[in-house]
Amino acid sequence: MNTFLWFITGVILFANSITALPHDGNQFPTTEEVIERLSELEQRLSDLEYRLNLKILQHTDKCAVEWNGICFFAIFYHPGKINQEAARLACEKRGATLGNIYAKEQYDSIMDNLRPYIATRNDGGNSIGVRTGMRYEPKSQVVYLPDDSEAPFVHWRSGYPKPASDQTTVLLNVFPGGSKYNGMYNLKSSAGSFAILCQINI
């Protein structure tokens, strides 16, 4: 959607938002109320942009990889700009949670399953970044699972992890087989990625 249409959409949403504020007679909404509505408007516009521009290119089978009673599957997007919160919601919509890595055998199976989907990129890229539910704490240099336990298996790609304090989400970097850049890397939660890994208990 172009900038002009975004502006018009924003004006309409804001006007509707302000008129919906409770007030008596000619009393105008307070500064706090306006700021709150602007914040809501920003989130609504963000959600609208997500729905309009983020399209699912392809997804693996619901149980593309099975390990230890857990099914893992992936969803691939265009353009590649899905952030951590959107990834979490996308998995939850399918009755799942963001996927994690628990063991080398499971990691190898997932990487092998994801590798053919590099070809789904329509921008010429030769790899895919896949969001997981794990987080990295730069200060302690430890990777954690969502339950705050330490991840039992970690395999960083060449050049990672990065020490920046805001690069706390852990992704899988999937390249053709044999590349030293296959592995995990850390990124800001707000940064975009091409795909997400989901898991569901069976």
Protein backbone atom coordinates (compact mmCIF):
# COMPACT_ATOMS: atom_id res chain seq x y z
CA MET A 1 0.00 0.00 0.00
CA ASN A 2 1.47 3.39 -0.94
CA THR A 3 2.20 6.21 1.50
CA PHE A 4 -0.85 8.31 0.51
CA LEU A 5 -3.26 5.43 1.13
CA TRP A 6 -1.61 4.73 4.48
CA PHE A 7 -2.08 8.40 5.39
CA ILE A 8 -5.77 8.38 4.46
CA THR A 9 -6.31 5.11 6.35
CA GLY A 10 -4.59 6.58 9.39
CA VAL A 11 -6.71 9.75 9.29
CA ILE A 12 -9.95 7.75 9.06
CA LEU A 13 -8.98 5.40 11.88
CA PHE A 14 -7.83 8.27 14.07
CA ALA A 15 -11.01 10.26 13.45
CA ASN A 16 -13.15 7.28 14.33
CA SER A 17 -11.01 6.64 17.38
CA ILE A 18 -11.31 10.17 18.72
CA THR A 19 -15.07 10.41 18.19
CA ALA A 20 -15.43 7.18 20.13
CA LEU A 21 -13.81 8.71 23.21
CA PRO A 22 -16.25 9.33 26.08
CA HIS A 23 -16.76 13.03 26.76
CA ASP A 24 -19.53 15.38 27.84
CA GLY A 25 -20.83 18.13 25.55
CA ASN A 26 -17.95 20.24 24.26
CA GLN A 27 -15.35 18.71 26.54
CA PHE A 28 -12.39 17.53 24.48
CA PRO A 29 -10.48 14.33 25.27
CA THR A 30 -7.48 14.67 27.56
CA THR A 31 -3.89 14.45 26.35
CA GLU A 32 -3.57 11.02 27.98
CA GLU A 33 -6.65 9.76 26.16
CA VAL A 34 -5.36 11.04 22.82
CA ILE A 35 -1.94 9.43 23.39
CA GLU A 36 -3.63 6.14 24.30
CA ARG A 37 -5.74 6.26 21.13
CA LEU A 38 -2.70 7.10 19.01
CA SER A 39 -0.92 4.08 20.46
CA GLU A 40 -3.92 1.88 19.64
CA LEU A 41 -4.03 3.36 16.15
CA GLU A 42 -0.36 2.59 15.58
CA GLN A 43 -0.94 -1.05 16.55
CA ARG A 44 -4.03 -1.29 14.31
CA LEU A 45 -2.11 0.11 11.35
CA SER A 46 0.73 -2.31 12.05
CA ASP A 47 -1.74 -5.20 12.14
CA LEU A 48 -3.34 -3.96 8.91
CA GLU A 49 0.03 -3.78 7.17
CA TYR A 50 0.82 -7.31 8.35
CA ARG A 51 -2.45 -8.68 6.98
CA LEU A 52 -2.13 -6.87 3.65
CA ASN A 53 1.52 -7.44 2.85
CA LEU A 54 2.67 -10.62 4.57
CA LYS A 55 1.67 -13.61 2.48
CA ILE A 56 2.27 -17.25 3.24
CA LEU A 57 4.32 -18.70 0.42
CA GLN A 58 4.36 -22.28 1.58
CA HIS A 59 4.39 -24.42 4.68
CA THR A 60 5.63 -27.89 5.49
CA ASP A 61 3.38 -30.74 6.59
CA LYS A 62 1.87 -30.34 10.07
CA CYS A 63 4.27 -33.02 11.26
CA ALA A 64 7.18 -32.56 8.88
CA VAL A 65 9.62 -33.72 11.58
CA GLU A 66 8.64 -35.84 14.57
CA TRP A 67 10.94 -36.06 17.55
CA ASN A 68 10.29 -37.37 21.06
CA GLY A 69 6.52 -36.96 20.83
CA ILE A 70 6.68 -33.48 19.28
CA CYS A 71 5.74 -32.52 15.72
CA PHE A 72 7.66 -29.69 14.06
CA PHE A 73 6.54 -27.71 11.01
CA ALA A 74 7.54 -24.47 9.32
CA ILE A 75 5.75 -21.57 7.65
CA PHE A 76 7.43 -19.47 4.96
CA TYR A 77 6.51 -15.85 4.24
CA HIS A 78 6.95 -13.14 1.64
CA PRO A 79 8.24 -10.59 2.13
CA GLY A 80 10.64 -11.96 4.72
CA LYS A 81 9.80 -9.61 7.55
CA ILE A 82 8.02 -11.63 10.21
CA ASN A 83 9.12 -10.56 13.69
CA GLN A 84 9.10 -12.58 16.91
CA GLU A 85 5.66 -11.51 18.12
CA ALA A 86 4.02 -12.16 14.75
CA ALA A 87 5.78 -15.53 14.61
CA ARG A 88 4.45 -16.48 18.03
CA LEU A 89 0.89 -15.55 17.04
CA ALA A 90 1.17 -17.46 13.76
CA CYS A 91 2.09 -20.67 15.61
CA GLU A 92 -0.63 -20.15 18.24
CA LYS A 93 -3.21 -19.69 15.49
CA ARG A 94 -2.38 -23.25 14.44
CA GLY A 95 -2.58 -24.67 17.95
CA ALA A 96 1.19 -24.73 18.31
CA THR A 97 4.04 -22.79 19.90
CA LEU A 98 7.31 -21.53 18.49
CA GLY A 99 9.65 -24.47 17.95
CA ASN A 100 12.86 -25.20 19.82
CA ILE A 101 15.97 -27.29 19.33
CA TYR A 102 16.56 -30.01 21.92
CA ALA A 103 19.13 -32.39 20.42
CA LYS A 104 21.60 -32.75 17.55
CA GLU A 105 19.60 -35.52 15.85
CA GLN A 106 16.46 -33.35 15.92
CA TYR A 107 18.43 -30.31 14.73
CA ASP A 108 19.87 -32.25 11.77
CA SER A 109 16.43 -33.57 10.78
CA ILE A 110 14.86 -30.10 10.88
CA MET A 111 17.69 -28.51 8.92
CA ASP A 112 17.44 -31.24 6.27
CA ASN A 113 13.68 -30.77 6.08
CA LEU A 114 13.96 -26.99 5.71
CA ARG A 115 16.78 -26.93 3.15
CA PRO A 116 14.65 -27.62 0.03
CA TYR A 117 12.51 -24.58 0.88
CA ILE A 118 15.39 -22.19 0.19
CA ALA A 119 14.10 -22.33 -3.39
CA THR A 120 10.78 -20.77 -2.32
CA ARG A 121 12.52 -17.42 -1.95
CA ASN A 122 11.62 -15.22 -4.90
CA ASP A 123 14.30 -12.61 -4.29
CA GLY A 124 17.32 -14.70 -5.26
CA GLY A 125 18.46 -15.34 -1.68
CA ASN A 126 20.49 -18.48 -1.04
CA SER A 127 19.44 -19.12 2.57
CA ILE A 128 16.50 -18.78 4.94
CA GLY A 129 16.29 -17.46 8.49
CA VAL A 130 13.83 -19.43 10.63
CA ARG A 131 12.56 -18.06 13.94
CA THR A 132 12.48 -20.31 17.02
CA GLY A 133 11.18 -19.93 20.55
CA MET A 134 14.65 -19.85 22.10
CA ARG A 135 16.37 -16.77 23.45
CA TYR A 136 20.00 -15.79 23.94
CA GLU A 137 21.30 -13.81 26.90
CA PRO A 138 24.44 -11.98 25.72
CA LYS A 139 25.59 -11.20 29.26
CA SER A 140 25.68 -14.84 30.37
CA GLN A 141 26.20 -16.18 26.83
CA VAL A 142 23.54 -18.82 27.45
CA VAL A 143 20.67 -19.94 25.21
CA TYR A 144 17.39 -20.61 27.02
CA LEU A 145 14.23 -22.49 26.17
CA PRO A 146 10.85 -20.76 26.76
CA ASP A 147 10.57 -22.39 30.21
CA ASP A 148 13.83 -20.64 31.20
CA SER A 149 15.84 -23.88 31.26
CA GLU A 150 19.16 -23.90 29.44
CA ALA A 151 18.97 -25.21 25.88
CA PRO A 152 20.53 -28.71 25.82
CA PHE A 153 21.89 -28.31 22.28
CA VAL A 154 23.31 -25.21 20.60
CA HIS A 155 25.12 -24.97 17.29
CA TRP A 156 26.09 -21.42 16.26
CA ARG A 157 26.76 -20.58 12.63
CA SER A 158 30.11 -19.02 11.76
CA GLY A 159 30.46 -15.49 13.19
CA TYR A 160 27.84 -15.89 15.94
CA PRO A 161 26.60 -15.24 18.57
CA LYS A 162 26.72 -11.45 18.45
CA PRO A 163 27.27 -9.63 21.78
CA ALA A 164 24.68 -6.85 21.28
CA SER A 165 22.32 -6.75 24.27
CA ASP A 166 19.20 -6.41 22.10
CA GLN A 167 19.94 -9.41 19.86
CA THR A 168 18.24 -11.98 22.03
CA THR A 169 16.08 -14.09 19.71
CA VAL A 170 17.59 -17.25 18.25
CA LEU A 171 17.02 -18.28 14.64
CA LEU A 172 18.17 -21.10 12.40
CA ASN A 173 20.19 -20.08 9.35
CA VAL A 174 19.59 -22.67 6.66
CA PHE A 175 22.05 -22.79 3.74
CA PRO A 176 22.76 -25.56 1.24
CA GLY A 177 24.41 -28.56 2.89
CA GLY A 178 28.04 -28.27 3.93
CA SER A 179 28.08 -24.49 4.35
CA LYS A 180 29.81 -23.21 7.49
CA TYR A 181 26.97 -20.70 7.79
CA ASN A 182 24.42 -23.37 8.67
CA GLY A 183 23.46 -23.06 12.31
CA MET A 184 21.97 -20.69 14.85
CA TYR A 185 22.27 -16.93 14.99
CA ASN A 186 20.90 -14.21 17.26
CA LEU A 187 18.85 -11.26 16.09
CA LYS A 188 16.62 -8.47 17.39
CA SER A 189 13.06 -9.60 18.11
CA SER A 190 11.74 -6.77 15.92
CA ALA A 191 13.83 -7.76 12.88
CA GLY A 192 12.21 -9.60 10.01
CA SER A 193 12.84 -13.19 8.97
CA PHE A 194 11.68 -15.44 6.16
CA ALA A 195 10.21 -18.36 8.10
CA ILE A 196 9.15 -19.66 11.49
CA LEU A 197 9.44 -23.04 13.19
CA CYS A 198 6.40 -24.27 15.15
CA GLN A 199 5.96 -27.29 17.38
CA ILE A 200 2.98 -29.18 18.75
CA ASN A 201 2.82 -32.11 21.14
CA ILE A 202 1.30 -35.35 19.85
